[in-house]
Amino acid sequence: MDFREKLKDKQRIVIKIGSSSITHAQTGALNLTKLEVLVRELCNLKNMGKDVILVSSGAIAVGRQAVGFHHRPSNVAEKQACAAIGQAQLMMTYQKLFSEYGHRAAQILMTKNTMTDNLSRMNASNTFDELMKIGAIPIVNENDTVSTYEIEFGDNDTLSAIVAALTHADLLILLSDIDGLYTDDPHKNPQARFIDLVEEVDEHYMKMGKGSSSSVGTGGMATKLSAARIATASGADMIIANGDDFHVIHRLLQGRPIGTLFAGHYDENFYLADILEE
């Protein structure tokens, strides 16, 4: 079976980008050149008749830069204040860029409570469906302004997989500062071998998870493998690829051999609420 060839026919696509992919490493400010390429790629997918959902990190990083913090916020109050400022600035930028290509962006902020409560989960699902019915592009982030340990997802890799499951997406693309899955950390082990295809996310692969090396992101390989478990069990394929050049999005959907592809295999025993309560 040619898993890559099937990517051309994916209809509902969730794309997750990390903070390090949309900010300048030197300052933490938004990289507008990269954002413009990202928005153009997403708008073109919409023009092809596909549903697109963007899960975008960056609120705290943008807020931190806006208020002049030279340190990464460490306590909850600082993070929430930076998120409140940064999320507004981030969405304003997205709205402006999407409107230039004739598309509308919509903001959805979620906490774990949104998904564990049955009524809230149904309402979130209905909101996504309605937004895509009217042609909008939902932009999702964790609601860092109010999230605390008890109600946070913890990282947008997990959040994006949950969004993919909730919206019955058939493809999840995680774009970060890594090329994909390796047998070991390639920065530390030159013998590490790149893995092109994972047909089933078993314990063998889960053990390959390593910590994050990014100064602005929160998710390492371990969170991406957990996301793969959720997404593939819901029936979606998932790809981990490098977000250094957002043109990679259309190349992936052309079936090119980029990143690591995790094949979806719907699990009839998969329940989203059970995953969140683990």
Protein backbone atom coordinates (compact mmCIF):
# COMPACT_ATOMS: atom_id res chain seq x y z
CA MET A 1 0.00 0.00 0.00
CA ASP A 2 1.38 3.44 -0.95
CA PHE A 3 0.61 5.50 2.13
CA ARG A 4 2.17 8.63 0.64
CA GLU A 5 0.06 8.49 -2.51
CA LYS A 6 -3.09 8.50 -0.38
CA LEU A 7 -2.16 11.88 1.11
CA LYS A 8 -3.29 13.61 -2.09
CA ASP A 9 -6.89 12.68 -1.31
CA LYS A 10 -7.03 13.91 2.29
CA GLN A 11 -9.98 16.22 2.76
CA ARG A 12 -9.91 17.52 6.36
CA ILE A 13 -6.43 18.51 7.51
CA VAL A 14 -5.24 19.69 10.92
CA ILE A 15 -1.87 21.44 10.89
CA LYS A 16 0.03 22.17 14.10
CA ILE A 17 2.91 24.62 14.25
CA GLY A 18 5.24 25.17 17.18
CA SER A 19 6.37 28.48 18.63
CA SER A 20 9.88 28.04 17.28
CA SER A 21 8.48 27.73 13.74
CA ILE A 22 6.83 31.17 13.70
CA THR A 23 9.13 33.32 15.83
CA HIS A 24 12.64 34.68 15.40
CA ALA A 25 15.09 32.78 17.57
CA GLN A 26 17.03 35.95 18.40
CA THR A 27 14.13 38.08 19.64
CA GLY A 28 11.06 35.87 20.08
CA ALA A 29 9.09 38.25 17.83
CA LEU A 30 6.85 36.89 15.07
CA ASN A 31 8.56 35.87 11.85
CA LEU A 32 6.21 37.61 9.44
CA THR A 33 7.90 36.22 6.33
CA LYS A 34 7.28 32.66 7.48
CA LEU A 35 3.75 33.45 8.65
CA GLU A 36 2.86 34.83 5.23
CA VAL A 37 4.04 31.62 3.56
CA LEU A 38 2.07 29.56 6.08
CA VAL A 39 -1.14 31.50 5.48
CA ARG A 40 -0.71 31.32 1.70
CA GLU A 41 -0.27 27.53 1.90
CA LEU A 42 -3.39 27.13 4.05
CA CYS A 43 -5.46 29.40 1.83
CA ASN A 44 -4.42 27.39 -1.19
CA LEU A 45 -5.62 24.20 0.52
CA LYS A 46 -8.95 25.95 1.08
CA ASN A 47 -9.01 26.96 -2.57
CA MET A 48 -8.61 23.27 -3.45
CA GLY A 49 -11.81 22.56 -1.53
CA LYS A 50 -10.20 21.07 1.59
CA ASP A 51 -11.11 21.78 5.21
CA VAL A 52 -8.22 23.28 7.15
CA ILE A 53 -7.71 23.67 10.89
CA LEU A 54 -4.61 25.37 12.28
CA VAL A 55 -3.36 24.64 15.80
CA SER A 56 -0.95 27.46 16.50
CA SER A 57 1.41 27.87 19.42
CA GLY A 58 3.07 31.20 20.03
CA ALA A 59 0.83 33.24 22.34
CA ILE A 60 3.18 33.21 25.33
CA ALA A 61 6.27 33.71 23.15
CA VAL A 62 4.70 36.70 21.37
CA GLY A 63 3.39 38.19 24.63
CA ARG A 64 6.77 37.75 26.28
CA GLN A 65 8.41 39.72 23.49
CA ALA A 66 5.69 42.38 23.50
CA VAL A 67 6.13 43.18 27.21
CA GLY A 68 9.91 43.05 27.01
CA PHE A 69 10.62 39.98 29.12
CA HIS A 70 14.17 38.77 28.59
CA HIS A 71 13.43 35.53 30.39
CA ARG A 72 11.03 32.72 29.64
CA PRO A 73 8.02 33.14 31.96
CA SER A 74 8.26 30.59 34.76
CA ASN A 75 5.29 31.14 37.07
CA VAL A 76 1.63 30.72 36.12
CA ALA A 77 0.70 34.40 36.47
CA GLU A 78 3.48 35.53 34.12
CA LYS A 79 2.58 32.89 31.55
CA GLN A 80 -1.09 33.81 31.66
CA ALA A 81 -0.39 37.54 31.34
CA CYS A 82 1.93 36.95 28.38
CA ALA A 83 -0.65 34.63 26.81
CA ALA A 84 -3.42 37.24 27.15
CA ILE A 85 -1.35 39.86 25.35
CA GLY A 86 0.27 37.51 22.86
CA GLN A 87 -2.88 35.66 21.78
CA ALA A 88 -4.59 38.92 20.81
CA GLN A 89 -1.56 40.04 18.82
CA LEU A 90 -1.19 36.62 17.19
CA MET A 91 -4.83 36.50 16.09
CA MET A 92 -4.74 40.07 14.80
CA THR A 93 -1.79 39.11 12.59
CA TYR A 94 -3.51 35.93 11.37
CA GLN A 95 -6.75 37.80 10.61
CA LYS A 96 -4.90 40.39 8.56
CA LEU A 97 -2.91 37.83 6.57
CA PHE A 98 -5.85 35.51 5.87
CA SER A 99 -8.03 38.42 4.76
CA GLU A 100 -5.41 39.38 2.16
CA TYR A 101 -6.12 36.05 0.44
CA GLY A 102 -9.88 36.30 0.80
CA HIS A 103 -10.32 33.91 3.74
CA ARG A 104 -11.62 34.27 7.28
CA ALA A 105 -9.86 33.06 10.40
CA ALA A 106 -11.74 32.09 13.57
CA GLN A 107 -10.28 31.70 17.06
CA ILE A 108 -10.98 28.68 19.27
CA LEU A 109 -9.36 28.51 22.72
CA MET A 110 -9.67 25.22 24.59
CA THR A 111 -8.86 23.67 27.95
CA LYS A 112 -8.98 20.02 28.94
CA ASN A 113 -12.39 20.72 30.52
CA THR A 114 -13.70 21.49 27.04
CA MET A 115 -13.08 17.88 26.11
CA THR A 116 -13.75 15.94 29.32
CA ASP A 117 -17.20 17.46 29.82
CA ASN A 118 -19.64 15.76 27.43
CA LEU A 119 -21.75 18.86 26.75
CA SER A 120 -18.71 21.10 26.22
CA ARG A 121 -17.16 18.53 23.88
CA MET A 122 -20.34 18.33 21.80
CA ASN A 123 -20.56 22.13 21.65
CA ALA A 124 -16.92 22.35 20.53
CA SER A 125 -17.56 19.75 17.83
CA ASN A 126 -20.61 21.67 16.60
CA THR A 127 -18.62 24.91 16.53
CA PHE A 128 -15.87 23.36 14.40
CA ASP A 129 -18.46 21.89 12.02
CA GLU A 130 -20.28 25.19 11.61
CA LEU A 131 -17.08 27.18 11.07
CA MET A 132 -15.95 24.84 8.33
CA LYS A 133 -19.43 24.80 6.81
CA ILE A 134 -19.25 28.58 6.36
CA GLY A 135 -15.71 28.35 4.99
CA ALA A 136 -13.75 29.75 7.94
CA ILE A 137 -10.35 28.48 9.05
CA PRO A 138 -10.40 27.67 12.79
CA ILE A 139 -7.21 28.67 14.60
CA VAL A 140 -6.88 26.71 17.82
CA ASN A 141 -4.72 27.20 20.87
CA GLU A 142 -4.83 26.12 24.47
CA ASN A 143 -6.46 28.78 26.61
CA ASP A 144 -3.23 29.62 28.41
CA THR A 145 -4.81 32.72 29.95
CA VAL A 146 -6.90 30.60 32.34
CA SER A 147 -5.28 27.16 32.15
CA THR A 148 -3.74 25.70 35.29
CA TYR A 149 -2.12 22.32 35.79
CA GLU A 150 -5.42 20.56 36.40
CA ILE A 151 -7.13 21.75 33.21
CA GLU A 152 -4.27 22.13 30.73
CA PHE A 153 -3.37 19.83 27.87
CA GLY A 154 0.26 20.73 28.50
CA ASP A 155 1.36 20.91 24.87
CA ASN A 156 -0.14 21.62 21.48
CA ASP A 157 0.97 18.28 20.03
CA THR A 158 -1.60 16.56 22.25
CA LEU A 159 -4.15 19.32 21.63
CA SER A 160 -3.80 19.01 17.85
CA ALA A 161 -4.32 15.22 17.98
CA ILE A 162 -7.44 15.71 20.10
CA VAL A 163 -8.72 18.32 17.63
CA ALA A 164 -8.08 15.88 14.77
CA ALA A 165 -10.08 13.19 16.58
CA LEU A 166 -12.88 15.58 17.56
CA THR A 167 -13.32 16.92 14.03
CA HIS A 168 -12.91 13.52 12.29
CA ALA A 169 -9.91 14.82 10.36
CA ASP A 170 -8.16 12.38 8.05
CA LEU A 171 -4.69 13.97 8.32
CA LEU A 172 -2.70 15.66 11.10
CA ILE A 173 0.56 17.42 10.24
CA LEU A 174 2.91 18.37 13.10
CA LEU A 175 5.44 20.97 11.99
CA SER A 176 8.27 21.61 14.42
CA ASP A 177 12.05 22.07 14.52
CA ILE A 178 12.73 18.37 13.85
CA ASP A 179 12.71 16.38 10.61
CA GLY A 180 10.76 13.43 11.99
CA LEU A 181 11.29 10.34 14.12
CA TYR A 182 14.74 8.82 14.59
CA THR A 183 15.77 5.64 16.36
CA ASP A 184 17.69 7.88 18.80
CA ASP A 185 18.42 11.56 19.35
CA PRO A 186 20.35 12.54 16.15
CA HIS A 187 21.99 15.47 17.97
CA LYS A 188 23.67 13.06 20.37
CA ASN A 189 23.95 9.86 18.36
CA PRO A 190 25.32 10.14 14.79
CA GLN A 191 24.23 6.53 14.21
CA ALA A 192 20.56 7.42 14.73
CA ARG A 193 18.47 6.18 11.81
CA PHE A 194 15.59 8.15 10.30
CA ILE A 195 12.21 6.41 10.24
CA ASP A 196 10.08 7.17 7.18
CA LEU A 197 6.96 5.15 8.01
CA VAL A 198 5.35 3.89 11.22
CA GLU A 199 2.45 1.55 10.57
CA GLU A 200 1.58 1.10 14.25
CA VAL A 201 2.65 3.16 17.27
CA ASP A 202 3.64 0.42 19.71
CA GLU A 203 5.83 0.49 22.84
CA HIS A 204 8.94 0.04 20.69
CA TYR A 205 8.32 3.44 19.10
CA MET A 206 7.08 5.12 22.28
CA LYS A 207 10.47 4.44 23.90
CA MET A 208 12.12 6.58 21.22
CA GLY A 209 10.59 9.75 22.68
CA LYS A 210 13.15 12.31 23.81
CA GLY A 211 12.98 15.73 25.48
CA SER A 212 12.63 18.98 23.57
CA SER A 213 15.71 21.01 22.64
CA SER A 214 13.75 24.16 21.75
CA SER A 215 13.90 27.23 24.00
CA VAL A 216 10.36 28.35 23.19
CA GLY A 217 8.39 25.12 22.59
CA THR A 218 6.96 22.74 25.18
CA GLY A 219 6.61 19.49 23.27
CA GLY A 220 9.40 17.02 22.60
CA MET A 221 9.28 13.76 20.65
CA ALA A 222 7.48 12.00 23.50
CA THR A 223 4.46 14.29 23.13
CA LYS A 224 4.48 13.83 19.36
CA LEU A 225 4.40 10.05 19.73
CA SER A 226 1.52 10.36 22.21
CA ALA A 227 -0.23 12.57 19.67
CA ALA A 228 0.38 9.91 17.01
CA ARG A 229 -1.32 7.32 19.19
CA ILE A 230 -4.41 9.49 19.58
CA ALA A 231 -4.60 10.64 15.95
CA THR A 232 -4.02 7.23 14.35
CA ALA A 233 -6.49 5.50 16.69
CA SER A 234 -9.14 8.00 15.57
CA GLY A 235 -8.43 6.98 11.96
CA ALA A 236 -6.23 9.90 10.87
CA ASP A 237 -2.79 9.64 9.32
CA MET A 238 -0.17 11.82 11.01
CA ILE A 239 3.08 13.34 9.76
CA ILE A 240 5.95 14.84 11.73
CA ALA A 241 7.98 17.18 9.53
CA ASN A 242 10.32 20.15 9.81
CA GLY A 243 8.54 23.50 9.81
CA ASP A 244 11.57 25.51 8.76
CA ASP A 245 9.97 26.03 5.32
CA PHE A 246 6.17 26.05 5.29
CA HIS A 247 6.15 25.19 1.59
CA VAL A 248 6.55 21.68 2.95
CA ILE A 249 2.75 21.59 3.43
CA HIS A 250 1.87 21.34 -0.26
CA ARG A 251 4.82 19.03 -0.86
CA LEU A 252 3.53 16.61 1.77
CA LEU A 253 0.09 16.64 0.16
CA GLN A 254 1.70 15.84 -3.17
CA GLY A 255 2.89 12.60 -1.58
CA ARG A 256 6.57 13.49 -1.43
CA PRO A 257 8.71 11.44 1.00
CA ILE A 258 9.21 14.10 3.66
CA GLY A 259 9.06 13.59 7.42
CA THR A 260 7.74 10.56 9.28
CA LEU A 261 4.30 9.24 8.33
CA PHE A 262 2.21 7.44 10.95
CA ALA A 263 -0.53 5.38 9.30
CA GLY A 264 -4.03 5.75 10.68
CA HIS A 265 -5.88 2.63 11.79
CA TYR A 266 -9.28 3.30 13.33
CA ASP A 267 -9.69 1.66 16.75
CA GLU A 268 -13.34 0.98 17.60
CA ASN A 269 -12.41 1.00 21.30
CA PHE A 270 -10.98 4.52 21.05
CA TYR A 271 -12.85 7.06 23.18
CA LEU A 272 -11.54 10.62 23.39
CA ALA A 273 -12.80 11.21 26.93
CA ASP A 274 -10.96 8.09 28.17
CA ILE A 275 -7.67 9.36 26.74
CA LEU A 276 -8.00 12.69 28.53
CA GLU A 277 -8.76 11.11 31.88
CA GLU A 278 -5.63 8.92 31.87
